[in-house]
Structures are given as structure tokens and as C-alpha cells.
Amino acid sequence: APAFSAYGVAAQQEDPLTQAMRGLIDSAQTQEHQIALLWR
């Protein structure tokens, strides 16, 4: 944690909408993997 962060946003943090999209992508990938295992 620095004493001051120029321009308000540091590079470590993503936009919350991007975080939500990544969560949906991970969930969809997991579901497809589980469905493929069931069919096999």
C-alpha cells in the first residue's frame, strides 16, 4: 500500500465489469467440462 496513488487507479485492480465477465467465462468453461465428462 503506497502513500499516494497517481490518477486514482493502480494497475493491480480490474474494472468490476471485467471481473464479472471473467467469472462468467470461468463458470461456462467449468460447466462444459462437467457436461463432457457426463457424456463420456
Full PDB file with SEQRES, HELIX, SHEET, SSBOND, CRYST1, ORIGX, SCALE, CONECT and MASTER records, all heavy atoms in Angstrom:
SEQRES   1 A   40  ALA PRO ALA PHE SER ALA TYR GLY VAL ALA ALA GLN GLN          
SEQRES   2 A   40  GLU ASP PRO LEU THR GLN ALA MET ARG GLY LEU ILE ASP          
SEQRES   3 A   40  SER ALA GLN THR GLN GLU HIS GLN ILE ALA LEU LEU TRP          
SEQRES   4 A   40  ARG                                                          
HELIX    1 AA1 PRO A   16  TRP A   39  1                                  24    
CRYST1    1.000    1.000    1.000  90.00  90.00  90.00 P 1           1          
ORIGX1      1.000000  0.000000  0.000000        0.00000                         
ORIGX2      0.000000  1.000000  0.000000        0.00000                         
ORIGX3      0.000000  0.000000  1.000000        0.00000                         
SCALE1      1.000000  0.000000  0.000000        0.00000                         
SCALE2      0.000000  1.000000  0.000000        0.00000                         
SCALE3      0.000000  0.000000  1.000000        0.00000                         
ATOM      1  N   ALA A   1       0.824  -1.208   0.000  1.00  0.00           N  
ATOM      2  CA  ALA A   1       0.000   0.000   0.000  1.00  0.00           C  
ATOM      3  C   ALA A   1       0.857   1.257   0.000  1.00  0.00           C  
ATOM      4  O   ALA A   1       1.554   1.540   0.963  1.00  0.00           O  
ATOM      5  CB  ALA A   1      -0.908   0.002   1.235  1.00  0.00           C  
ATOM      6  N   PRO A   2       0.850   2.036  -1.088  1.00  0.00           N  
ATOM      7  CA  PRO A   2       1.644   3.250  -1.139  1.00  0.00           C  
ATOM      8  C   PRO A   2       0.927   4.401  -0.467  1.00  0.00           C  
ATOM      9  O   PRO A   2      -0.276   4.355  -0.228  1.00  0.00           O  
ATOM     10  CB  PRO A   2       1.791   3.504  -2.649  1.00  0.00           C  
ATOM     11  CG  PRO A   2       0.532   2.945  -3.216  1.00  0.00           C  
ATOM     12  CD  PRO A   2       0.161   1.775  -2.358  1.00  0.00           C  
ATOM     13  N   ALA A   3       1.656   5.460  -0.178  1.00  0.00           N  
ATOM     14  CA  ALA A   3       1.051   6.620   0.461  1.00  0.00           C  
ATOM     15  C   ALA A   3       0.175   7.392  -0.512  1.00  0.00           C  
ATOM     16  O   ALA A   3      -0.764   8.046  -0.122  1.00  0.00           O  
ATOM     17  CB  ALA A   3       2.149   7.530   1.014  1.00  0.00           C  
ATOM     18  N   PHE A   4       0.477   7.270  -1.808  1.00  0.00           N  
ATOM     19  CA  PHE A   4      -0.282   8.041  -2.795  1.00  0.00           C  
ATOM     20  C   PHE A   4      -0.321   7.280  -4.104  1.00  0.00           C  
ATOM     21  O   PHE A   4       0.672   6.722  -4.546  1.00  0.00           O  
ATOM     22  CB  PHE A   4       0.379   9.401  -3.000  1.00  0.00           C  
ATOM     23  CG  PHE A   4      -0.272  10.225  -4.086  1.00  0.00           C  
ATOM     24  CD1 PHE A   4      -1.532  10.732  -3.911  1.00  0.00           C  
ATOM     25  CD2 PHE A   4       0.392  10.460  -5.275  1.00  0.00           C  
ATOM     26  CE1 PHE A   4      -2.142  11.484  -4.912  1.00  0.00           C  
ATOM     27  CE2 PHE A   4      -0.208  11.207  -6.271  1.00  0.00           C  
ATOM     28  CZ  PHE A   4      -1.470  11.724  -6.080  1.00  0.00           C  
ATOM     29  N   SER A   5      -1.478   7.233  -4.726  1.00  0.00           N  
ATOM     30  CA  SER A   5      -1.658   6.533  -5.995  1.00  0.00           C  
ATOM     31  C   SER A   5      -2.047   7.542  -7.058  1.00  0.00           C  
ATOM     32  O   SER A   5      -3.148   8.074  -7.039  1.00  0.00           O  
ATOM     33  CB  SER A   5      -2.731   5.452  -5.858  1.00  0.00           C  
ATOM     34  OG  SER A   5      -2.947   4.819  -7.096  1.00  0.00           O  
ATOM     35  N   ALA A   6      -1.149   7.813  -7.989  1.00  0.00           N  
ATOM     36  CA  ALA A   6      -1.408   8.817  -9.014  1.00  0.00           C  
ATOM     37  C   ALA A   6      -2.547   8.385  -9.926  1.00  0.00           C  
ATOM     38  O   ALA A   6      -2.682   7.225 -10.281  1.00  0.00           O  
ATOM     39  CB  ALA A   6      -0.141   9.044  -9.834  1.00  0.00           C  
ATOM     40  N   TYR A   7      -3.383   9.356 -10.303  1.00  0.00           N  
ATOM     41  CA  TYR A   7      -4.508   9.160 -11.211  1.00  0.00           C  
ATOM     42  C   TYR A   7      -5.557   8.191 -10.686  1.00  0.00           C  
ATOM     43  O   TYR A   7      -6.415   7.730 -11.412  1.00  0.00           O  
ATOM     44  CB  TYR A   7      -4.039   8.738 -12.598  1.00  0.00           C  
ATOM     45  CG  TYR A   7      -3.394   9.873 -13.344  1.00  0.00           C  
ATOM     46  CD1 TYR A   7      -2.030  10.073 -13.286  1.00  0.00           C  
ATOM     47  CD2 TYR A   7      -4.162  10.772 -14.065  1.00  0.00           C  
ATOM     48  CE1 TYR A   7      -1.433  11.141 -13.943  1.00  0.00           C  
ATOM     49  CE2 TYR A   7      -3.577  11.836 -14.732  1.00  0.00           C  
ATOM     50  CZ  TYR A   7      -2.207  12.012 -14.666  1.00  0.00           C  
ATOM     51  OH  TYR A   7      -1.628  13.056 -15.312  1.00  0.00           O  
ATOM     52  N   GLY A   8      -5.489   7.850  -9.419  1.00  0.00           N  
ATOM     53  CA  GLY A   8      -6.621   7.219  -8.762  1.00  0.00           C  
ATOM     54  C   GLY A   8      -6.737   5.720  -8.859  1.00  0.00           C  
ATOM     55  O   GLY A   8      -7.309   5.104  -7.987  1.00  0.00           O  
ATOM     56  N   VAL A   9      -6.198   5.080  -9.874  1.00  0.00           N  
ATOM     57  CA  VAL A   9      -6.373   3.649 -10.048  1.00  0.00           C  
ATOM     58  C   VAL A   9      -5.036   3.021 -10.374  1.00  0.00           C  
ATOM     59  O   VAL A   9      -4.371   3.418 -11.314  1.00  0.00           O  
ATOM     60  CB  VAL A   9      -7.378   3.332 -11.178  1.00  0.00           C  
ATOM     61  CG1 VAL A   9      -7.531   1.836 -11.349  1.00  0.00           C  
ATOM     62  CG2 VAL A   9      -8.725   3.953 -10.873  1.00  0.00           C  
ATOM     63  N   ALA A  10      -4.637   2.041  -9.584  1.00  0.00           N  
ATOM     64  CA  ALA A  10      -3.396   1.324  -9.840  1.00  0.00           C  
ATOM     65  C   ALA A  10      -3.675   0.143 -10.763  1.00  0.00           C  
ATOM     66  O   ALA A  10      -4.805  -0.287 -10.945  1.00  0.00           O  
ATOM     67  CB  ALA A  10      -2.780   0.834  -8.525  1.00  0.00           C  
ATOM     68  N   ALA A  11      -2.592  -0.393 -11.320  1.00  0.00           N  
ATOM     69  CA  ALA A  11      -2.744  -1.421 -12.348  1.00  0.00           C  
ATOM     70  C   ALA A  11      -3.210  -2.757 -11.792  1.00  0.00           C  
ATOM     71  O   ALA A  11      -3.676  -3.605 -12.535  1.00  0.00           O  
ATOM     72  CB  ALA A  11      -1.406  -1.612 -13.072  1.00  0.00           C  
ATOM     73  N   GLN A  12      -3.101  -2.972 -10.462  1.00  0.00           N  
ATOM     74  CA  GLN A  12      -3.431  -4.290  -9.925  1.00  0.00           C  
ATOM     75  C   GLN A  12      -4.917  -4.597  -9.990  1.00  0.00           C  
ATOM     76  O   GLN A  12      -5.318  -5.743  -9.975  1.00  0.00           O  
ATOM     77  CB  GLN A  12      -2.985  -4.387  -8.454  1.00  0.00           C  
ATOM     78  CG  GLN A  12      -1.489  -4.223  -8.273  1.00  0.00           C  
ATOM     79  CD  GLN A  12      -1.161  -2.827  -7.826  1.00  0.00           C  
ATOM     80  OE1 GLN A  12      -1.744  -1.878  -8.325  1.00  0.00           O  
ATOM     81  NE2 GLN A  12      -0.229  -2.689  -6.915  1.00  0.00           N  
ATOM     82  N   GLN A  13      -5.759  -3.579 -10.012  1.00  0.00           N  
ATOM     83  CA  GLN A  13      -7.197  -3.797  -9.863  1.00  0.00           C  
ATOM     84  C   GLN A  13      -7.926  -3.680 -11.191  1.00  0.00           C  
ATOM     85  O   GLN A  13      -7.705  -2.760 -11.956  1.00  0.00           O  
ATOM     86  CB  GLN A  13      -7.769  -2.773  -8.883  1.00  0.00           C  
ATOM     87  CG  GLN A  13      -9.232  -2.966  -8.597  1.00  0.00           C  
ATOM     88  CD  GLN A  13      -9.517  -4.296  -7.945  1.00  0.00           C  
ATOM     89  OE1 GLN A  13      -8.877  -4.648  -6.967  1.00  0.00           O  
ATOM     90  NE2 GLN A  13     -10.444  -5.038  -8.498  1.00  0.00           N  
ATOM     91  N   GLU A  14      -8.795  -4.647 -11.465  1.00  0.00           N  
ATOM     92  CA  GLU A  14      -9.571  -4.622 -12.688  1.00  0.00           C  
ATOM     93  C   GLU A  14     -10.900  -3.919 -12.480  1.00  0.00           C  
ATOM     94  O   GLU A  14     -11.405  -3.808 -11.367  1.00  0.00           O  
ATOM     95  CB  GLU A  14      -9.828  -6.050 -13.170  1.00  0.00           C  
ATOM     96  CG  GLU A  14      -8.584  -6.780 -13.650  1.00  0.00           C  
ATOM     97  CD  GLU A  14      -8.944  -8.172 -14.127  1.00  0.00           C  
ATOM     98  OE1 GLU A  14      -9.783  -8.818 -13.491  1.00  0.00           O  
ATOM     99  OE2 GLU A  14      -8.384  -8.600 -15.138  1.00  0.00           O  
ATOM    100  N   ASP A  15     -11.482  -3.513 -13.579  1.00  0.00           N  
ATOM    101  CA  ASP A  15     -12.831  -2.983 -13.568  1.00  0.00           C  
ATOM    102  C   ASP A  15     -13.787  -4.080 -13.090  1.00  0.00           C  
ATOM    103  O   ASP A  15     -13.642  -5.244 -13.468  1.00  0.00           O  
ATOM    104  CB  ASP A  15     -13.177  -2.541 -14.992  1.00  0.00           C  
ATOM    105  CG  ASP A  15     -14.593  -2.036 -15.095  1.00  0.00           C  
ATOM    106  OD1 ASP A  15     -14.798  -0.838 -14.904  1.00  0.00           O  
ATOM    107  OD2 ASP A  15     -15.482  -2.859 -15.371  1.00  0.00           O  
ATOM    108  N   PRO A  16     -14.789  -3.740 -12.257  1.00  0.00           N  
ATOM    109  CA  PRO A  16     -15.706  -4.774 -11.754  1.00  0.00           C  
ATOM    110  C   PRO A  16     -16.481  -5.483 -12.851  1.00  0.00           C  
ATOM    111  O   PRO A  16     -16.814  -6.665 -12.719  1.00  0.00           O  
ATOM    112  CB  PRO A  16     -16.631  -3.993 -10.816  1.00  0.00           C  
ATOM    113  CG  PRO A  16     -16.456  -2.558 -11.174  1.00  0.00           C  
ATOM    114  CD  PRO A  16     -15.058  -2.425 -11.668  1.00  0.00           C  
ATOM    115  N   LEU A  17     -16.786  -4.803 -13.950  1.00  0.00           N  
ATOM    116  CA  LEU A  17     -17.473  -5.464 -15.053  1.00  0.00           C  
ATOM    117  C   LEU A  17     -16.577  -6.526 -15.690  1.00  0.00           C  
ATOM    118  O   LEU A  17     -17.037  -7.617 -16.046  1.00  0.00           O  
ATOM    119  CB  LEU A  17     -17.901  -4.426 -16.094  1.00  0.00           C  
ATOM    120  CG  LEU A  17     -18.745  -4.948 -17.255  1.00  0.00           C  
ATOM    121  CD1 LEU A  17     -20.030  -5.579 -16.746  1.00  0.00           C  
ATOM    122  CD2 LEU A  17     -19.057  -3.828 -18.236  1.00  0.00           C  
ATOM    123  N   THR A  18     -15.286  -6.226 -15.803  1.00  0.00           N  
ATOM    124  CA  THR A  18     -14.339  -7.209 -16.318  1.00  0.00           C  
ATOM    125  C   THR A  18     -14.247  -8.412 -15.397  1.00  0.00           C  
ATOM    126  O   THR A  18     -14.191  -9.561 -15.849  1.00  0.00           O  
ATOM    127  CB  THR A  18     -12.952  -6.571 -16.485  1.00  0.00           C  
ATOM    128  OG1 THR A  18     -13.043  -5.462 -17.380  1.00  0.00           O  
ATOM    129  CG2 THR A  18     -11.956  -7.573 -17.043  1.00  0.00           C  
ATOM    130  N   GLN A  19     -14.239  -8.158 -14.097  1.00  0.00           N  
ATOM    131  CA  GLN A  19     -14.210  -9.259 -13.142  1.00  0.00           C  
ATOM    132  C   GLN A  19     -15.442 -10.143 -13.280  1.00  0.00           C  
ATOM    133  O   GLN A  19     -15.343 -11.377 -13.223  1.00  0.00           O  
ATOM    134  CB  GLN A  19     -14.120  -8.704 -11.721  1.00  0.00           C  
ATOM    135  CG  GLN A  19     -12.791  -8.040 -11.405  1.00  0.00           C  
ATOM    136  CD  GLN A  19     -12.755  -7.483  -9.994  1.00  0.00           C  
ATOM    137  OE1 GLN A  19     -13.763  -7.001  -9.483  1.00  0.00           O  
ATOM    138  NE2 GLN A  19     -11.609  -7.547  -9.358  1.00  0.00           N  
ATOM    139  N   ALA A  20     -16.614  -9.525 -13.478  1.00  0.00           N  
ATOM    140  CA  ALA A  20     -17.837 -10.305 -13.649  1.00  0.00           C  
ATOM    141  C   ALA A  20     -17.776 -11.143 -14.919  1.00  0.00           C  
ATOM    142  O   ALA A  20     -18.186 -12.322 -14.928  1.00  0.00           O  
ATOM    143  CB  ALA A  20     -19.043  -9.370 -13.682  1.00  0.00           C  
ATOM    144  N   MET A  21     -17.253 -10.559 -16.002  1.00  0.00           N  
ATOM    145  CA  MET A  21     -17.139 -11.303 -17.263  1.00  0.00           C  
ATOM    146  C   MET A  21     -16.189 -12.485 -17.119  1.00  0.00           C  
ATOM    147  O   MET A  21     -16.462 -13.582 -17.613  1.00  0.00           O  
ATOM    148  CB  MET A  21     -16.651 -10.358 -18.366  1.00  0.00           C  
ATOM    149  CG  MET A  21     -17.665  -9.300 -18.784  1.00  0.00           C  
ATOM    150  SD  MET A  21     -19.120 -10.026 -19.578  1.00  0.00           S  
ATOM    151  CE  MET A  21     -18.388 -10.686 -21.075  1.00  0.00           C  
ATOM    152  N   ARG A  22     -15.086 -12.279 -16.424  1.00  0.00           N  
ATOM    153  CA  ARG A  22     -14.144 -13.385 -16.218  1.00  0.00           C  
ATOM    154  C   ARG A  22     -14.799 -14.498 -15.398  1.00  0.00           C  
ATOM    155  O   ARG A  22     -14.574 -15.687 -15.655  1.00  0.00           O  
ATOM    156  CB  ARG A  22     -12.889 -12.882 -15.520  1.00  0.00           C  
ATOM    157  CG  ARG A  22     -12.004 -12.022 -16.399  1.00  0.00           C  
ATOM    158  CD  ARG A  22     -10.650 -11.770 -15.737  1.00  0.00           C  
ATOM    159  NE  ARG A  22      -9.860 -10.837 -16.489  1.00  0.00           N  
ATOM    160  CZ  ARG A  22      -9.186 -11.130 -17.599  1.00  0.00           C  
ATOM    161  NH1 ARG A  22      -9.227 -12.364 -18.095  1.00  0.00           N  
ATOM    162  NH2 ARG A  22      -8.484 -10.200 -18.225  1.00  0.00           N  
ATOM    163  N   GLY A  23     -15.610 -14.108 -14.407  1.00  0.00           N  
ATOM    164  CA  GLY A  23     -16.302 -15.115 -13.609  1.00  0.00           C  
ATOM    165  C   GLY A  23     -17.266 -15.936 -14.438  1.00  0.00           C  
ATOM    166  O   GLY A  23     -17.363 -17.165 -14.282  1.00  0.00           O  
ATOM    167  N   LEU A  24     -17.993 -15.272 -15.345  1.00  0.00           N  
ATOM    168  CA  LEU A  24     -18.922 -15.982 -16.217  1.00  0.00           C  
ATOM    169  C   LEU A  24     -18.182 -16.915 -17.175  1.00  0.00           C  
ATOM    170  O   LEU A  24     -18.640 -18.036 -17.458  1.00  0.00           O  
ATOM    171  CB  LEU A  24     -19.768 -14.976 -17.001  1.00  0.00           C  
ATOM    172  CG  LEU A  24     -20.780 -14.162 -16.177  1.00  0.00           C  
ATOM    173  CD1 LEU A  24     -21.417 -13.085 -17.060  1.00  0.00           C  
ATOM    174  CD2 LEU A  24     -21.847 -15.064 -15.587  1.00  0.00           C  
ATOM    175  N   ILE A  25     -17.054 -16.459 -17.697  1.00  0.00           N  
ATOM    176  CA  ILE A  25     -16.261 -17.302 -18.610  1.00  0.00           C  
ATOM    177  C   ILE A  25     -15.752 -18.539 -17.881  1.00  0.00           C  
ATOM    178  O   ILE A  25     -15.841 -19.670 -18.391  1.00  0.00           O  
ATOM    179  CB  ILE A  25     -15.094 -16.487 -19.196  1.00  0.00           C  
ATOM    180  CG1 ILE A  25     -15.618 -15.414 -20.157  1.00  0.00           C  
ATOM    181  CG2 ILE A  25     -14.114 -17.402 -19.923  1.00  0.00           C  
ATOM    182  CD1 ILE A  25     -14.567 -14.428 -20.611  1.00  0.00           C  
ATOM    183  N   ASP A  26     -15.237 -18.354 -16.663  1.00  0.00           N  
ATOM    184  CA  ASP A  26     -14.738 -19.495 -15.894  1.00  0.00           C  
ATOM    185  C   ASP A  26     -15.859 -20.474 -15.573  1.00  0.00           C  
ATOM    186  O   ASP A  26     -15.676 -21.697 -15.643  1.00  0.00           O  
ATOM    187  CB  ASP A  26     -14.083 -19.009 -14.602  1.00  0.00           C  
ATOM    188  CG  ASP A  26     -12.795 -18.234 -14.850  1.00  0.00           C  
ATOM    189  OD1 ASP A  26     -12.240 -18.374 -15.959  1.00  0.00           O  
ATOM    190  OD2 ASP A  26     -12.367 -17.494 -13.952  1.00  0.00           O  
ATOM    191  N   SER A  27     -17.051 -19.935 -15.244  1.00  0.00           N  
ATOM    192  CA  SER A  27     -18.184 -20.798 -14.926  1.00  0.00           C  
ATOM    193  C   SER A  27     -18.627 -21.592 -16.151  1.00  0.00           C  
ATOM    194  O   SER A  27     -18.901 -22.803 -16.062  1.00  0.00           O  
ATOM    195  CB  SER A  27     -19.349 -19.954 -14.394  1.00  0.00           C  
ATOM    196  OG  SER A  27     -20.486 -20.753 -14.143  1.00  0.00           O  
ATOM    197  N   ALA A  28     -18.688 -20.921 -17.313  1.00  0.00           N  
ATOM    198  CA  ALA A  28     -19.093 -21.606 -18.540  1.00  0.00           C  
ATOM    199  C   ALA A  28     -18.094 -22.694 -18.915  1.00  0.00           C  
ATOM    200  O   ALA A  28     -18.481 -23.793 -19.344  1.00  0.00           O  
ATOM    201  CB  ALA A  28     -19.241 -20.597 -19.673  1.00  0.00           C  
ATOM    202  N   GLN A  29     -16.822 -22.410 -18.743  1.00  0.00           N  
ATOM    203  CA  GLN A  29     -15.807 -23.407 -19.063  1.00  0.00           C  
ATOM    204  C   GLN A  29     -15.926 -24.623 -18.149  1.00  0.00           C  
ATOM    205  O   GLN A  29     -15.829 -25.776 -18.603  1.00  0.00           O  
ATOM    206  CB  GLN A  29     -14.414 -22.789 -18.932  1.00  0.00           C  
ATOM    207  CG  GLN A  29     -13.282 -23.742 -19.322  1.00  0.00           C  
ATOM    208  CD  GLN A  29     -11.921 -23.100 -19.150  1.00  0.00           C  
ATOM    209  OE1 GLN A  29     -11.758 -22.178 -18.353  1.00  0.00           O  
ATOM    210  NE2 GLN A  29     -10.932 -23.572 -19.895  1.00  0.00           N  
ATOM    211  N   THR A  30     -16.163 -24.378 -16.870  1.00  0.00           N  
ATOM    212  CA  THR A  30     -16.310 -25.475 -15.914  1.00  0.00           C  
ATOM    213  C   THR A  30     -17.535 -26.318 -16.228  1.00  0.00           C  
ATOM    214  O   THR A  30     -17.488 -27.563 -16.180  1.00  0.00           O  
ATOM    215  CB  THR A  30     -16.407 -24.914 -14.488  1.00  0.00           C  
ATOM    216  OG1 THR A  30     -15.229 -24.170 -14.192  1.00  0.00           O  
ATOM    217  CG2 THR A  30     -16.549 -26.033 -13.464  1.00  0.00           C  
ATOM    218  N   GLN A  31     -18.651 -25.658 -16.563  1.00  0.00           N  
ATOM    219  CA  GLN A  31     -19.871 -26.393 -16.875  1.00  0.00           C  
ATOM    220  C   GLN A  31     -19.699 -27.253 -18.120  1.00  0.00           C  
ATOM    221  O   GLN A  31     -20.158 -28.407 -18.163  1.00  0.00           O  
ATOM    222  CB  GLN A  31     -21.028 -25.417 -17.056  1.00  0.00           C  
ATOM    223  CG  GLN A  31     -21.481 -24.747 -15.763  1.00  0.00           C  
ATOM    224  CD  GLN A  31     -22.622 -23.778 -15.977  1.00  0.00           C  
ATOM    225  OE1 GLN A  31     -23.299 -23.823 -17.001  1.00  0.00           O  
ATOM    226  NE2 GLN A  31     -22.841 -22.897 -15.017  1.00  0.00           N  
ATOM    227  N   GLU A  32     -19.041 -26.722 -19.153  1.00  0.00           N  
ATOM    228  CA  GLU A  32     -18.840 -27.516 -20.360  1.00  0.00           C  
ATOM    229  C   GLU A  32     -17.956 -28.733 -20.066  1.00  0.00           C  
ATOM    230  O   GLU A  32     -18.194 -29.825 -20.578  1.00  0.00           O  
ATOM    231  CB  GLU A  32     -18.202 -26.661 -21.454  1.00  0.00           C  
ATOM    232  CG  GLU A  32     -18.084 -27.443 -22.769  1.00  0.00           C  
ATOM    233  CD  GLU A  32     -17.442 -26.628 -23.874  1.00  0.00           C  
ATOM    234  OE1 GLU A  32     -16.320 -26.161 -23.661  1.00  0.00           O  
ATOM    235  OE2 GLU A  32     -18.064 -26.482 -24.939  1.00  0.00           O  
ATOM    236  N   HIS A  33     -16.956 -28.537 -19.213  1.00  0.00           N  
ATOM    237  CA  HIS A  33     -16.084 -29.655 -18.850  1.00  0.00           C  
ATOM    238  C   HIS A  33     -16.882 -30.744 -18.130  1.00  0.00           C  
ATOM    239  O   HIS A  33     -16.734 -31.942 -18.432  1.00  0.00           O  
ATOM    240  CB  HIS A  33     -14.949 -29.141 -17.959  1.00  0.00           C  
ATOM    241  CG  HIS A  33     -14.030 -30.218 -17.467  1.00  0.00           C  
ATOM    242  ND1 HIS A  33     -13.203 -30.933 -18.307  1.00  0.00           N  
ATOM    243  CD2 HIS A  33     -13.819 -30.719 -16.213  1.00  0.00           C  
ATOM    244  CE1 HIS A  33     -12.516 -31.818 -17.611  1.00  0.00           C  
ATOM    245  NE2 HIS A  33     -12.871 -31.699 -16.340  1.00  0.00           N  
ATOM    246  N   GLN A  34     -17.746 -30.331 -17.196  1.00  0.00           N  
ATOM    247  CA  GLN A  34     -18.544 -31.306 -16.459  1.00  0.00           C  
ATOM    248  C   GLN A  34     -19.527 -32.029 -17.375  1.00  0.00           C  
ATOM    249  O   GLN A  34     -19.734 -33.250 -17.253  1.00  0.00           O  
ATOM    250  CB  GLN A  34     -19.296 -30.590 -15.325  1.00  0.00           C  
ATOM    251  CG  GLN A  34     -18.400 -30.021 -14.241  1.00  0.00           C  
ATOM    252  CD  GLN A  34     -17.600 -31.076 -13.515  1.00  0.00           C  
ATOM    253  OE1 GLN A  34     -18.093 -32.185 -13.288  1.00  0.00           O  
ATOM    254  NE2 GLN A  34     -16.368 -30.748 -13.154  1.00  0.00           N  
ATOM    255  N   ILE A  35     -20.157 -31.309 -18.303  1.00  0.00           N  
ATOM    256  CA  ILE A  35     -21.088 -31.935 -19.238  1.00  0.00           C  
ATOM    257  C   ILE A  35     -20.371 -32.950 -20.122  1.00  0.00           C  
ATOM    258  O   ILE A  35     -20.873 -34.061 -20.386  1.00  0.00           O  
ATOM    259  CB  ILE A  35     -21.794 -30.863 -20.082  1.00  0.00           C  
ATOM    260  CG1 ILE A  35     -22.740 -30.033 -19.195  1.00  0.00           C  
ATOM    261  CG2 ILE A  35     -22.561 -31.492 -21.237  1.00  0.00           C  
ATOM    262  CD1 ILE A  35     -23.312 -28.820 -19.892  1.00  0.00           C  
ATOM    263  N   ALA A  36     -19.174 -32.594 -20.584  1.00  0.00           N  
ATOM    264  CA  ALA A  36     -18.407 -33.521 -21.422  1.00  0.00           C  
ATOM    265  C   ALA A  36     -18.058 -34.790 -20.645  1.00  0.00           C  
ATOM    266  O   ALA A  36     -18.125 -35.913 -21.191  1.00  0.00           O  
ATOM    267  CB  ALA A  36     -17.141 -32.829 -21.921  1.00  0.00           C  
ATOM    268  N   LEU A  37     -17.707 -34.638 -19.376  1.00  0.00           N  
ATOM    269  CA  LEU A  37     -17.403 -35.818 -18.555  1.00  0.00           C  
ATOM    270  C   LEU A  37     -18.625 -36.706 -18.388  1.00  0.00           C  
ATOM    271  O   LEU A  37     -18.525 -37.950 -18.419  1.00  0.00           O  
ATOM    272  CB  LEU A  37     -16.885 -35.370 -17.187  1.00  0.00           C  
ATOM    273  CG  LEU A  37     -15.502 -34.704 -17.148  1.00  0.00           C  
ATOM    274  CD1 LEU A  37     -15.168 -34.260 -15.730  1.00  0.00           C  
ATOM    275  CD2 LEU A  37     -14.434 -35.650 -17.673  1.00  0.00           C  
ATOM    276  N   LEU A  38     -19.794 -36.084 -18.191  1.00  0.00           N  
ATOM    277  CA  LEU A  38     -21.016 -36.867 -18.050  1.00  0.00           C  
ATOM    278  C   LEU A  38     -21.334 -37.651 -19.321  1.00  0.00           C  
ATOM    279  O   LEU A  38     -21.694 -38.842 -19.270  1.00  0.00           O  
ATOM    280  CB  LEU A  38     -22.185 -35.938 -17.701  1.00  0.00           C  
ATOM    281  CG  LEU A  38     -22.192 -35.357 -16.280  1.00  0.00           C  
ATOM    282  CD1 LEU A  38     -23.290 -34.306 -16.135  1.00  0.00           C  
ATOM    283  CD2 LEU A  38     -22.400 -36.476 -15.249  1.00  0.00           C  
ATOM    284  N   TRP A  39     -21.215 -37.003 -20.504  1.00  0.00           N  
ATOM    285  CA  TRP A  39     -21.487 -37.702 -21.752  1.00  0.00           C  
ATOM    286  C   TRP A  39     -20.496 -38.846 -21.985  1.00  0.00           C  
ATOM    287  O   TRP A  39     -20.862 -39.919 -22.490  1.00  0.00           O  
ATOM    288  CB  TRP A  39     -21.444 -36.736 -22.928  1.00  0.00           C  
ATOM    289  CG  TRP A  39     -22.683 -35.907 -23.100  1.00  0.00           C  
ATOM    290  CD1 TRP A  39     -22.778 -34.558 -23.115  1.00  0.00           C  
ATOM    291  CD2 TRP A  39     -24.007 -36.393 -23.291  1.00  0.00           C  
ATOM    292  NE1 TRP A  39     -24.070 -34.146 -23.289  1.00  0.00           N  
ATOM    293  CE2 TRP A  39     -24.859 -35.265 -23.405  1.00  0.00           C  
ATOM    294  CE3 TRP A  39     -24.579 -37.681 -23.366  1.00  0.00           C  
ATOM    295  CZ2 TRP A  39     -26.232 -35.385 -23.599  1.00  0.00           C  
ATOM    296  CZ3 TRP A  39     -25.948 -37.792 -23.567  1.00  0.00           C  
ATOM    297  CH2 TRP A  39     -26.753 -36.646 -23.666  1.00  0.00           C  
ATOM    298  N   ARG A  40     -19.243 -38.638 -21.602  1.00  0.00           N  
ATOM    299  CA  ARG A  40     -18.258 -39.720 -21.760  1.00  0.00           C  
ATOM    300  C   ARG A  40     -18.599 -40.902 -20.851  1.00  0.00           C  
ATOM    301  O   ARG A  40     -18.446 -42.074 -21.249  1.00  0.00           O  
ATOM    302  CB  ARG A  40     -16.868 -39.191 -21.438  1.00  0.00           C  
ATOM    303  CG  ARG A  40     -16.323 -38.211 -22.476  1.00  0.00           C  
ATOM    304  CD  ARG A  40     -15.027 -37.573 -22.004  1.00  0.00           C  
ATOM    305  NE  ARG A  40     -14.669 -36.425 -22.838  1.00  0.00           N  
ATOM    306  CZ  ARG A  40     -13.689 -35.578 -22.530  1.00  0.00           C  
ATOM    307  NH1 ARG A  40     -12.989 -35.734 -21.417  1.00  0.00           N  
ATOM    308  NH2 ARG A  40     -13.440 -34.556 -23.342  1.00  0.00           N  
TER     309      ARG A  40                                                      
MASTER        0    0    0    1    0    0    0    6  308    1    0    4          
END                                                                             
